[in-house]
Amino acid sequence: MSIDKKILKQFTKDAIRNPLSVFKYSFFRYILIGVLTVFVGFGIFNFISLTSDIHGGAANFIATLISLIFNFSMSYAWTFKVQGKQKIRSLTRYSMLAAFNLSFETFSMYGFIELLESRLINFLLDSPNVVKAVDFILVELDFYEGTQEGLMQAILRNLLKVIALLMIISWNFVLYKRWVFRK
């Protein structure tokens, strides 16, 4: 994939004059909507995880479903500016990709939680340096009200969510641009 020098020159000129002009390019709109979607998803995930006894996989499912609705609405209307009859086709294709992404992320969370989480938490809490860091967060910063295990669980689940999201992001832009929202 080569970059057209004329487009790159115009992009640079526009960005220097007005940094917000980068949003006339779908890739930058995709990045912005992606970042907002991540904030929505993580916010809901952590709210549910920290305020209820719902399993982490179920909390992830709910948070991801809500963030997907937000993402489709913004991608359709602003990022890729799809119009007219393409809405049904785009919604169908987006739903298929979203179902795959949601399944991938949810099964990753369930698998991690059921198979590895408790062993990894015990391993990390056997490390004196990790225990010192966790105690610093719990006691000195008073950032988290809970146990060492609870804090490690929250950190590990968020880390897993980041890893899964990075994998999903890597294939989504290309599939959105060339398949879901193709004009």
N, C-alpha and C. Protein backbone atom coordinates (compact mmCIF):
# COMPACT_ATOMS: atom_id res chain seq x y z
N MET A 1 0.84 -1.17 0.00
CA MET A 1 0.00 0.00 0.00
C MET A 1 0.89 1.23 0.00
N SER A 2 0.80 2.04 -1.03
CA SER A 2 1.62 3.24 -1.10
C SER A 2 0.77 4.47 -0.77
N ILE A 3 1.43 5.48 -0.28
CA ILE A 3 0.75 6.72 0.09
C ILE A 3 0.95 7.72 -1.04
N ASP A 4 -0.13 8.29 -1.50
CA ASP A 4 -0.07 9.31 -2.55
C ASP A 4 0.56 10.57 -1.95
N LYS A 5 1.67 11.01 -2.53
CA LYS A 5 2.40 12.16 -1.99
C LYS A 5 1.57 13.44 -2.03
N LYS A 6 0.73 13.58 -3.03
CA LYS A 6 -0.12 14.76 -3.14
C LYS A 6 -1.11 14.82 -1.96
N ILE A 7 -1.71 13.67 -1.65
CA ILE A 7 -2.65 13.60 -0.53
C ILE A 7 -1.92 13.85 0.79
N LEU A 8 -0.73 13.27 0.94
CA LEU A 8 0.04 13.46 2.16
C LEU A 8 0.43 14.93 2.34
N LYS A 9 0.81 15.58 1.24
CA LYS A 9 1.18 17.00 1.30
C LYS A 9 -0.02 17.85 1.71
N GLN A 10 -1.19 17.57 1.11
CA GLN A 10 -2.40 18.32 1.44
C GLN A 10 -2.82 18.06 2.89
N PHE A 11 -2.71 16.80 3.31
CA PHE A 11 -3.05 16.45 4.68
C PHE A 11 -2.18 17.23 5.66
N THR A 12 -0.87 17.25 5.42
CA THR A 12 0.06 17.96 6.30
C THR A 12 -0.24 19.44 6.35
N LYS A 13 -0.49 20.02 5.20
CA LYS A 13 -0.80 21.44 5.12
C LYS A 13 -2.09 21.74 5.91
N ASP A 14 -3.12 20.94 5.69
CA ASP A 14 -4.39 21.13 6.40
C ASP A 14 -4.21 20.97 7.91
N ALA A 15 -3.47 19.95 8.32
CA ALA A 15 -3.30 19.67 9.75
C ALA A 15 -2.54 20.78 10.46
N ILE A 16 -1.59 21.40 9.76
CA ILE A 16 -0.83 22.50 10.38
C ILE A 16 -1.72 23.72 10.54
N ARG A 17 -2.51 24.02 9.52
CA ARG A 17 -3.41 25.19 9.58
C ARG A 17 -4.51 25.00 10.61
N ASN A 18 -5.10 23.83 10.61
CA ASN A 18 -6.22 23.55 11.50
C ASN A 18 -6.17 22.08 11.91
N PRO A 19 -5.68 21.79 13.12
CA PRO A 19 -5.54 20.38 13.55
C PRO A 19 -6.84 19.58 13.48
N LEU A 20 -7.99 20.23 13.64
CA LEU A 20 -9.26 19.50 13.57
C LEU A 20 -9.61 19.07 12.15
N SER A 21 -8.91 19.60 11.17
CA SER A 21 -9.19 19.23 9.78
C SER A 21 -8.85 17.77 9.49
N VAL A 22 -8.06 17.15 10.36
CA VAL A 22 -7.72 15.74 10.13
C VAL A 22 -8.98 14.86 10.14
N PHE A 23 -10.05 15.36 10.75
CA PHE A 23 -11.27 14.56 10.85
C PHE A 23 -12.06 14.52 9.54
N LYS A 24 -11.56 15.17 8.49
CA LYS A 24 -12.20 14.99 7.20
C LYS A 24 -11.75 13.66 6.57
N TYR A 25 -10.74 13.01 7.16
CA TYR A 25 -10.26 11.70 6.72
C TYR A 25 -10.89 10.61 7.60
N SER A 26 -11.46 9.61 6.96
CA SER A 26 -12.20 8.57 7.70
C SER A 26 -11.33 7.85 8.72
N PHE A 27 -10.04 7.68 8.45
CA PHE A 27 -9.19 6.97 9.39
C PHE A 27 -9.12 7.69 10.73
N PHE A 28 -9.00 9.01 10.71
CA PHE A 28 -8.92 9.77 11.96
C PHE A 28 -10.27 9.81 12.68
N ARG A 29 -11.35 9.84 11.92
CA ARG A 29 -12.68 9.75 12.55
C ARG A 29 -12.82 8.37 13.20
N TYR A 30 -12.33 7.33 12.51
CA TYR A 30 -12.36 5.97 13.04
C TYR A 30 -11.60 5.90 14.37
N ILE A 31 -10.41 6.51 14.41
CA ILE A 31 -9.61 6.51 15.64
C ILE A 31 -10.36 7.21 16.77
N LEU A 32 -10.92 8.38 16.50
CA LEU A 32 -11.64 9.13 17.54
C LEU A 32 -12.84 8.33 18.05
N ILE A 33 -13.64 7.80 17.15
CA ILE A 33 -14.80 7.01 17.57
C ILE A 33 -14.35 5.75 18.29
N GLY A 34 -13.26 5.17 17.85
CA GLY A 34 -12.71 3.99 18.53
C GLY A 34 -12.31 4.29 19.96
N VAL A 35 -11.63 5.42 20.16
CA VAL A 35 -11.22 5.81 21.51
C VAL A 35 -12.44 6.06 22.39
N LEU A 36 -13.43 6.77 21.85
CA LEU A 36 -14.66 7.01 22.62
C LEU A 36 -15.37 5.70 22.94
N THR A 37 -15.39 4.78 21.99
CA THR A 37 -16.02 3.47 22.20
C THR A 37 -15.30 2.71 23.32
N VAL A 38 -13.98 2.79 23.33
CA VAL A 38 -13.20 2.13 24.39
C VAL A 38 -13.56 2.73 25.75
N PHE A 39 -13.66 4.06 25.83
CA PHE A 39 -14.04 4.69 27.10
C PHE A 39 -15.43 4.24 27.55
N VAL A 40 -16.37 4.19 26.62
CA VAL A 40 -17.73 3.73 26.95
C VAL A 40 -17.67 2.29 27.45
N GLY A 41 -16.98 1.42 26.70
CA GLY A 41 -16.90 0.00 27.07
C GLY A 41 -16.22 -0.23 28.40
N PHE A 42 -15.05 0.40 28.60
CA PHE A 42 -14.32 0.22 29.86
C PHE A 42 -15.08 0.83 31.03
N GLY A 43 -15.70 1.97 30.80
CA GLY A 43 -16.46 2.61 31.88
C GLY A 43 -17.60 1.72 32.35
N ILE A 44 -18.36 1.20 31.42
CA ILE A 44 -19.48 0.33 31.78
C ILE A 44 -18.98 -0.97 32.39
N PHE A 45 -17.94 -1.57 31.78
CA PHE A 45 -17.36 -2.81 32.30
C PHE A 45 -16.91 -2.66 33.75
N ASN A 46 -16.16 -1.59 34.03
CA ASN A 46 -15.66 -1.39 35.39
C ASN A 46 -16.78 -1.01 36.36
N PHE A 47 -17.74 -0.25 35.90
CA PHE A 47 -18.87 0.09 36.76
C PHE A 47 -19.60 -1.19 37.19
N ILE A 48 -19.91 -2.05 36.21
CA ILE A 48 -20.62 -3.30 36.52
C ILE A 48 -19.75 -4.20 37.39
N SER A 49 -18.47 -4.35 37.01
CA SER A 49 -17.57 -5.26 37.74
C SER A 49 -17.36 -4.83 39.19
N LEU A 50 -17.26 -3.53 39.40
CA LEU A 50 -16.93 -3.04 40.74
C LEU A 50 -18.14 -2.79 41.63
N THR A 51 -19.34 -2.75 41.02
CA THR A 51 -20.52 -2.45 41.83
C THR A 51 -21.50 -3.61 41.92
N SER A 52 -21.15 -4.76 41.32
CA SER A 52 -22.08 -5.89 41.38
C SER A 52 -21.31 -7.20 41.45
N ASP A 53 -22.04 -8.26 41.65
CA ASP A 53 -21.43 -9.60 41.72
C ASP A 53 -21.54 -10.33 40.39
N ILE A 54 -21.80 -9.61 39.31
CA ILE A 54 -21.93 -10.23 37.99
C ILE A 54 -20.57 -10.75 37.55
N HIS A 55 -20.56 -11.94 36.97
CA HIS A 55 -19.33 -12.56 36.46
C HIS A 55 -18.66 -11.62 35.47
N GLY A 56 -17.33 -11.58 35.46
CA GLY A 56 -16.58 -10.69 34.58
C GLY A 56 -16.91 -10.89 33.11
N GLY A 57 -17.16 -12.13 32.70
CA GLY A 57 -17.53 -12.39 31.31
C GLY A 57 -18.88 -11.78 30.96
N ALA A 58 -19.83 -11.86 31.89
CA ALA A 58 -21.16 -11.27 31.65
C ALA A 58 -21.06 -9.74 31.66
N ALA A 59 -20.26 -9.19 32.57
CA ALA A 59 -20.06 -7.74 32.61
C ALA A 59 -19.44 -7.26 31.30
N ASN A 60 -18.50 -8.03 30.79
CA ASN A 60 -17.86 -7.69 29.51
C ASN A 60 -18.88 -7.74 28.38
N PHE A 61 -19.73 -8.75 28.38
CA PHE A 61 -20.75 -8.90 27.33
C PHE A 61 -21.67 -7.68 27.30
N ILE A 62 -22.18 -7.29 28.46
CA ILE A 62 -23.09 -6.14 28.55
C ILE A 62 -22.39 -4.86 28.10
N ALA A 63 -21.18 -4.63 28.61
CA ALA A 63 -20.43 -3.41 28.27
C ALA A 63 -20.11 -3.36 26.78
N THR A 64 -19.71 -4.49 26.24
CA THR A 64 -19.35 -4.53 24.82
C THR A 64 -20.58 -4.33 23.94
N LEU A 65 -21.68 -4.91 24.32
CA LEU A 65 -22.91 -4.74 23.54
C LEU A 65 -23.32 -3.26 23.49
N ILE A 66 -23.29 -2.59 24.61
CA ILE A 66 -23.65 -1.17 24.64
C ILE A 66 -22.65 -0.34 23.83
N SER A 67 -21.36 -0.64 23.97
CA SER A 67 -20.36 0.13 23.22
C SER A 67 -20.46 -0.15 21.72
N LEU A 68 -20.89 -1.35 21.32
CA LEU A 68 -21.07 -1.65 19.89
C LEU A 68 -22.22 -0.85 19.29
N ILE A 69 -23.28 -0.68 20.05
CA ILE A 69 -24.40 0.13 19.58
C ILE A 69 -23.94 1.58 19.37
N PHE A 70 -23.20 2.10 20.33
CA PHE A 70 -22.63 3.45 20.19
C PHE A 70 -21.72 3.52 18.97
N ASN A 71 -20.84 2.52 18.82
CA ASN A 71 -19.87 2.53 17.72
C ASN A 71 -20.54 2.47 16.36
N PHE A 72 -21.56 1.61 16.21
CA PHE A 72 -22.23 1.52 14.92
C PHE A 72 -22.89 2.85 14.57
N SER A 73 -23.57 3.43 15.53
CA SER A 73 -24.27 4.70 15.29
C SER A 73 -23.30 5.78 14.82
N MET A 74 -22.17 5.89 15.48
CA MET A 74 -21.19 6.92 15.12
C MET A 74 -20.46 6.57 13.82
N SER A 75 -20.12 5.30 13.63
CA SER A 75 -19.43 4.89 12.40
C SER A 75 -20.31 5.10 11.19
N TYR A 76 -21.56 4.76 11.33
CA TYR A 76 -22.51 4.87 10.22
C TYR A 76 -22.73 6.34 9.85
N ALA A 77 -22.99 7.14 10.85
CA ALA A 77 -23.38 8.52 10.60
C ALA A 77 -22.21 9.46 10.33
N TRP A 78 -21.05 9.20 10.96
CA TRP A 78 -19.98 10.19 10.88
C TRP A 78 -18.68 9.64 10.29
N THR A 79 -18.21 8.50 10.78
CA THR A 79 -16.91 8.01 10.34
C THR A 79 -16.90 7.67 8.86
N PHE A 80 -17.85 6.83 8.43
CA PHE A 80 -17.85 6.39 7.04
C PHE A 80 -18.95 7.04 6.21
N LYS A 81 -19.80 7.83 6.86
CA LYS A 81 -20.84 8.62 6.20
C LYS A 81 -21.64 7.83 5.17
N VAL A 82 -22.17 6.71 5.62
CA VAL A 82 -22.99 5.87 4.76
C VAL A 82 -24.37 6.50 4.63
N GLN A 83 -24.96 6.40 3.46
CA GLN A 83 -26.26 7.02 3.24
C GLN A 83 -27.22 6.06 2.55
N GLY A 84 -28.50 6.38 2.68
CA GLY A 84 -29.55 5.73 1.91
C GLY A 84 -29.72 4.24 2.17
N LYS A 85 -29.83 3.49 1.05
CA LYS A 85 -30.16 2.07 1.10
C LYS A 85 -29.05 1.21 1.71
N GLN A 86 -27.87 1.78 1.85
CA GLN A 86 -26.76 1.02 2.40
C GLN A 86 -26.93 0.73 3.89
N LYS A 87 -27.87 1.41 4.53
CA LYS A 87 -28.02 1.27 5.98
C LYS A 87 -28.31 -0.18 6.38
N ILE A 88 -29.23 -0.83 5.71
CA ILE A 88 -29.59 -2.21 6.07
C ILE A 88 -28.41 -3.14 5.82
N ARG A 89 -27.76 -2.99 4.66
CA ARG A 89 -26.61 -3.84 4.35
C ARG A 89 -25.50 -3.61 5.38
N SER A 90 -25.22 -2.33 5.69
CA SER A 90 -24.18 -2.01 6.66
C SER A 90 -24.52 -2.55 8.04
N LEU A 91 -25.77 -2.40 8.44
CA LEU A 91 -26.19 -2.90 9.75
C LEU A 91 -26.06 -4.42 9.83
N THR A 92 -26.43 -5.10 8.76
CA THR A 92 -26.32 -6.57 8.73
C THR A 92 -24.86 -7.00 8.84
N ARG A 93 -24.01 -6.38 8.03
CA ARG A 93 -22.60 -6.74 8.05
C ARG A 93 -21.93 -6.35 9.37
N TYR A 94 -22.29 -5.18 9.88
CA TYR A 94 -21.74 -4.74 11.16
C TYR A 94 -22.16 -5.72 12.25
N SER A 95 -23.40 -6.14 12.22
CA SER A 95 -23.91 -7.08 13.23
C SER A 95 -23.15 -8.41 13.17
N MET A 96 -22.86 -8.87 11.96
CA MET A 96 -22.11 -10.12 11.82
C MET A 96 -20.69 -9.97 12.39
N LEU A 97 -20.03 -8.88 12.04
CA LEU A 97 -18.68 -8.64 12.56
C LEU A 97 -18.72 -8.40 14.06
N ALA A 98 -19.71 -7.65 14.53
CA ALA A 98 -19.85 -7.38 15.96
C ALA A 98 -20.10 -8.67 16.74
N ALA A 99 -20.90 -9.57 16.18
CA ALA A 99 -21.16 -10.85 16.85
C ALA A 99 -19.87 -11.65 16.97
N PHE A 100 -19.07 -11.65 15.90
CA PHE A 100 -17.78 -12.34 15.96
C PHE A 100 -16.88 -11.69 17.01
N ASN A 101 -16.75 -10.35 16.97
CA ASN A 101 -15.89 -9.65 17.92
C ASN A 101 -16.36 -9.83 19.36
N LEU A 102 -17.67 -9.75 19.56
CA LEU A 102 -18.24 -9.93 20.90
C LEU A 102 -17.98 -11.34 21.41
N SER A 103 -18.16 -12.32 20.54
CA SER A 103 -17.88 -13.72 20.92
C SER A 103 -16.41 -13.90 21.25
N PHE A 104 -15.55 -13.37 20.40
CA PHE A 104 -14.11 -13.48 20.63
C PHE A 104 -13.73 -12.89 21.98
N GLU A 105 -14.20 -11.67 22.24
CA GLU A 105 -13.82 -10.99 23.48
C GLU A 105 -14.44 -11.68 24.71
N THR A 106 -15.70 -12.06 24.61
CA THR A 106 -16.38 -12.68 25.75
C THR A 106 -15.79 -14.05 26.07
N PHE A 107 -15.57 -14.88 25.05
CA PHE A 107 -14.97 -16.19 25.31
C PHE A 107 -13.54 -16.07 25.81
N SER A 108 -12.82 -15.06 25.34
CA SER A 108 -11.48 -14.81 25.87
C SER A 108 -11.55 -14.49 27.36
N MET A 109 -12.50 -13.62 27.74
CA MET A 109 -12.66 -13.26 29.15
C MET A 109 -13.06 -14.48 29.99
N TYR A 110 -14.07 -15.22 29.53
CA TYR A 110 -14.51 -16.40 30.28
C TYR A 110 -13.37 -17.41 30.41
N GLY A 111 -12.69 -17.66 29.30
CA GLY A 111 -11.59 -18.63 29.35
C GLY A 111 -10.50 -18.22 30.30
N PHE A 112 -10.12 -16.95 30.23
CA PHE A 112 -9.08 -16.44 31.12
C PHE A 112 -9.52 -16.54 32.58
N ILE A 113 -10.74 -16.08 32.85
CA ILE A 113 -11.23 -16.08 34.23
C ILE A 113 -11.31 -17.49 34.79
N GLU A 114 -11.86 -18.40 34.02
CA GLU A 114 -12.06 -19.76 34.51
C GLU A 114 -10.78 -20.58 34.56
N LEU A 115 -9.88 -20.37 33.62
CA LEU A 115 -8.71 -21.24 33.53
C LEU A 115 -7.45 -20.66 34.17
N LEU A 116 -7.25 -19.36 34.10
CA LEU A 116 -5.95 -18.82 34.49
C LEU A 116 -5.97 -17.81 35.62
N GLU A 117 -7.06 -17.10 35.80
CA GLU A 117 -7.06 -15.94 36.69
C GLU A 117 -6.59 -16.27 38.11
N SER A 118 -7.17 -17.24 38.76
CA SER A 118 -6.81 -17.50 40.17
C SER A 118 -5.36 -17.94 40.29
N ARG A 119 -4.87 -18.75 39.33
CA ARG A 119 -3.46 -19.18 39.37
C ARG A 119 -2.52 -17.99 39.19
N LEU A 120 -2.88 -17.10 38.25
CA LEU A 120 -2.04 -15.94 37.99
C LEU A 120 -2.05 -14.96 39.18
N ILE A 121 -3.20 -14.78 39.79
CA ILE A 121 -3.27 -13.91 40.97
C ILE A 121 -2.41 -14.47 42.09
N ASN A 122 -2.52 -15.78 42.35
CA ASN A 122 -1.71 -16.40 43.40
C ASN A 122 -0.22 -16.27 43.09
N PHE A 123 0.15 -16.48 41.82
CA PHE A 123 1.54 -16.34 41.41
C PHE A 123 2.04 -14.91 41.66
N LEU A 124 1.25 -13.93 41.25
CA LEU A 124 1.66 -12.53 41.41
C LEU A 124 1.73 -12.12 42.88
N LEU A 125 0.79 -12.62 43.68
CA LEU A 125 0.78 -12.24 45.09
C LEU A 125 1.87 -12.96 45.89
N ASP A 126 2.53 -13.95 45.28
CA ASP A 126 3.69 -14.59 45.91
C ASP A 126 4.95 -13.76 45.71
N SER A 127 4.87 -12.76 44.84
CA SER A 127 6.01 -11.89 44.57
C SER A 127 5.98 -10.70 45.54
N PRO A 128 7.05 -10.53 46.32
CA PRO A 128 7.07 -9.43 47.30
C PRO A 128 6.92 -8.05 46.65
N ASN A 129 7.49 -7.85 45.46
CA ASN A 129 7.39 -6.54 44.81
C ASN A 129 5.96 -6.24 44.37
N VAL A 130 5.27 -7.25 43.89
CA VAL A 130 3.88 -7.05 43.49
C VAL A 130 3.03 -6.74 44.72
N VAL A 131 3.26 -7.45 45.80
CA VAL A 131 2.50 -7.22 47.04
C VAL A 131 2.75 -5.80 47.54
N LYS A 132 3.99 -5.32 47.46
CA LYS A 132 4.29 -3.95 47.89
C LYS A 132 3.54 -2.94 47.02
N ALA A 133 3.52 -3.16 45.71
CA ALA A 133 2.83 -2.25 44.80
C ALA A 133 1.33 -2.26 45.07
N VAL A 134 0.77 -3.44 45.28
CA VAL A 134 -0.66 -3.57 45.55
C VAL A 134 -1.00 -2.90 46.88
N ASP A 135 -0.18 -3.14 47.89
CA ASP A 135 -0.41 -2.51 49.19
C ASP A 135 -0.31 -0.99 49.10
N PHE A 136 0.61 -0.49 48.29
CA PHE A 136 0.74 0.96 48.09
C PHE A 136 -0.55 1.53 47.52
N ILE A 137 -1.11 0.84 46.51
CA ILE A 137 -2.37 1.30 45.90
C ILE A 137 -3.51 1.22 46.91
N LEU A 138 -3.56 0.12 47.67
CA LEU A 138 -4.66 -0.07 48.62
C LEU A 138 -4.56 0.87 49.82
N VAL A 139 -3.37 1.02 50.38
CA VAL A 139 -3.22 1.75 51.64
C VAL A 139 -2.83 3.22 51.43
N GLU A 140 -1.74 3.44 50.73
CA GLU A 140 -1.21 4.80 50.60
C GLU A 140 -2.08 5.67 49.70
N LEU A 141 -2.46 5.15 48.55
CA LEU A 141 -3.26 5.95 47.61
C LEU A 141 -4.74 5.90 47.93
N ASP A 142 -5.14 4.89 48.69
CA ASP A 142 -6.56 4.68 49.01
C ASP A 142 -7.40 4.74 47.73
N PHE A 143 -6.86 4.12 46.67
CA PHE A 143 -7.47 4.16 45.34
C PHE A 143 -8.56 3.12 45.17
N TYR A 144 -8.45 2.04 45.90
CA TYR A 144 -9.35 0.90 45.70
C TYR A 144 -9.76 0.37 47.06
N GLU A 145 -11.04 0.19 47.24
CA GLU A 145 -11.53 -0.38 48.49
C GLU A 145 -11.79 -1.86 48.27
N GLY A 146 -10.90 -2.68 48.75
CA GLY A 146 -11.05 -4.12 48.57
C GLY A 146 -9.79 -4.83 48.99
N THR A 147 -9.70 -6.07 48.58
CA THR A 147 -8.57 -6.91 48.96
C THR A 147 -7.48 -6.87 47.89
N GLN A 148 -6.33 -7.43 48.24
CA GLN A 148 -5.25 -7.56 47.27
C GLN A 148 -5.72 -8.39 46.07
N GLU A 149 -6.41 -9.48 46.36
CA GLU A 149 -6.90 -10.34 45.28
C GLU A 149 -7.89 -9.61 44.39
N GLY A 150 -8.75 -8.82 45.01
CA GLY A 150 -9.74 -8.07 44.24
C GLY A 150 -9.10 -7.05 43.32
N LEU A 151 -8.08 -6.36 43.83
CA LEU A 151 -7.37 -5.38 43.00
C LEU A 151 -6.63 -6.07 41.86
N MET A 152 -5.95 -7.17 42.16
CA MET A 152 -5.24 -7.91 41.10
C MET A 152 -6.23 -8.42 40.06
N GLN A 153 -7.38 -8.87 40.50
CA GLN A 153 -8.41 -9.35 39.58
C GLN A 153 -8.87 -8.22 38.65
N ALA A 154 -9.11 -7.04 39.21
CA ALA A 154 -9.55 -5.91 38.40
C ALA A 154 -8.47 -5.51 37.39
N ILE A 155 -7.22 -5.48 37.83
CA ILE A 155 -6.12 -5.12 36.93
C ILE A 155 -5.98 -6.14 35.82
N LEU A 156 -5.98 -7.42 36.17
CA LEU A 156 -5.81 -8.47 35.16
C LEU A 156 -6.96 -8.50 34.15
N ARG A 157 -8.17 -8.31 34.62
CA ARG A 157 -9.32 -8.31 33.70
C ARG A 157 -9.27 -7.12 32.74
N ASN A 158 -8.85 -5.98 33.23
CA ASN A 158 -8.70 -4.81 32.35
C ASN A 158 -7.57 -5.02 31.36
N LEU A 159 -6.49 -5.63 31.81
CA LEU A 159 -5.38 -5.92 30.91
C LEU A 159 -5.80 -6.88 29.81
N LEU A 160 -6.54 -7.90 30.16
CA LEU A 160 -7.04 -8.84 29.16
C LEU A 160 -7.97 -8.14 28.18
N LYS A 161 -8.82 -7.27 28.69
CA LYS A 161 -9.73 -6.53 27.81
C LYS A 161 -8.94 -5.66 26.83
N VAL A 162 -7.86 -5.06 27.28
CA VAL A 162 -7.00 -4.25 26.39
C VAL A 162 -6.39 -5.14 25.31
N ILE A 163 -5.87 -6.29 25.68
CA ILE A 163 -5.25 -7.19 24.70
C ILE A 163 -6.27 -7.64 23.66
N ALA A 164 -7.46 -8.03 24.12
CA ALA A 164 -8.51 -8.46 23.19
C ALA A 164 -8.92 -7.32 22.26
N LEU A 165 -9.05 -6.11 22.81
CA LEU A 165 -9.43 -4.96 21.99
C LEU A 165 -8.37 -4.62 20.95
N LEU A 166 -7.12 -4.72 21.31
CA LEU A 166 -6.05 -4.45 20.34
C LEU A 166 -6.11 -5.44 19.17
N MET A 167 -6.42 -6.68 19.47
CA MET A 167 -6.56 -7.67 18.41
C MET A 167 -7.75 -7.33 17.51
N ILE A 168 -8.86 -6.97 18.12
CA ILE A 168 -10.07 -6.64 17.35
C ILE A 168 -9.85 -5.39 16.50
N ILE A 169 -9.23 -4.37 17.08
CA ILE A 169 -8.97 -3.13 16.35
C ILE A 169 -8.12 -3.39 15.11
N SER A 170 -7.20 -4.34 15.23
CA SER A 170 -6.28 -4.62 14.12
C SER A 170 -7.01 -5.08 12.86
N TRP A 171 -8.12 -5.75 13.00
CA TRP A 171 -8.84 -6.19 11.79
C TRP A 171 -10.08 -5.36 11.50
N ASN A 172 -10.59 -4.59 12.47
CA ASN A 172 -11.85 -3.88 12.26
C ASN A 172 -11.79 -2.76 11.23
N PHE A 173 -10.77 -1.91 11.25
CA PHE A 173 -10.76 -0.77 10.32
C PHE A 173 -10.82 -1.26 8.87
N VAL A 174 -10.01 -2.25 8.56
CA VAL A 174 -10.00 -2.77 7.19
C VAL A 174 -11.36 -3.36 6.84
N LEU A 175 -11.94 -4.13 7.73
CA LEU A 175 -13.25 -4.74 7.45
C LEU A 175 -14.36 -3.70 7.41
N TYR A 176 -14.30 -2.69 8.25
CA TYR A 176 -15.30 -1.62 8.20
C TYR A 176 -15.22 -0.90 6.86
N LYS A 177 -14.02 -0.50 6.50
CA LYS A 177 -13.82 0.31 5.30
C LYS A 177 -14.14 -0.47 4.02
N ARG A 178 -13.73 -1.72 3.95
CA ARG A 178 -13.84 -2.48 2.70
C ARG A 178 -15.05 -3.39 2.61
N TRP A 179 -15.72 -3.63 3.73
CA TRP A 179 -16.84 -4.56 3.67
C TRP A 179 -18.10 -3.99 4.32
N VAL A 180 -18.03 -3.58 5.56
CA VAL A 180 -19.23 -3.15 6.30
C VAL A 180 -19.81 -1.86 5.75
N PHE A 181 -18.99 -0.82 5.63
CA PHE A 181 -19.48 0.49 5.22
C PHE A 181 -19.05 0.86 3.80
N ARG A 182 -18.78 -0.14 2.98
CA ARG A 182 -18.35 0.12 1.60
C ARG A 182 -19.44 0.85 0.84
N LYS A 183 -19.04 1.87 0.12
CA LYS A 183 -20.03 2.68 -0.62
C LYS A 183 -20.27 2.09 -1.99
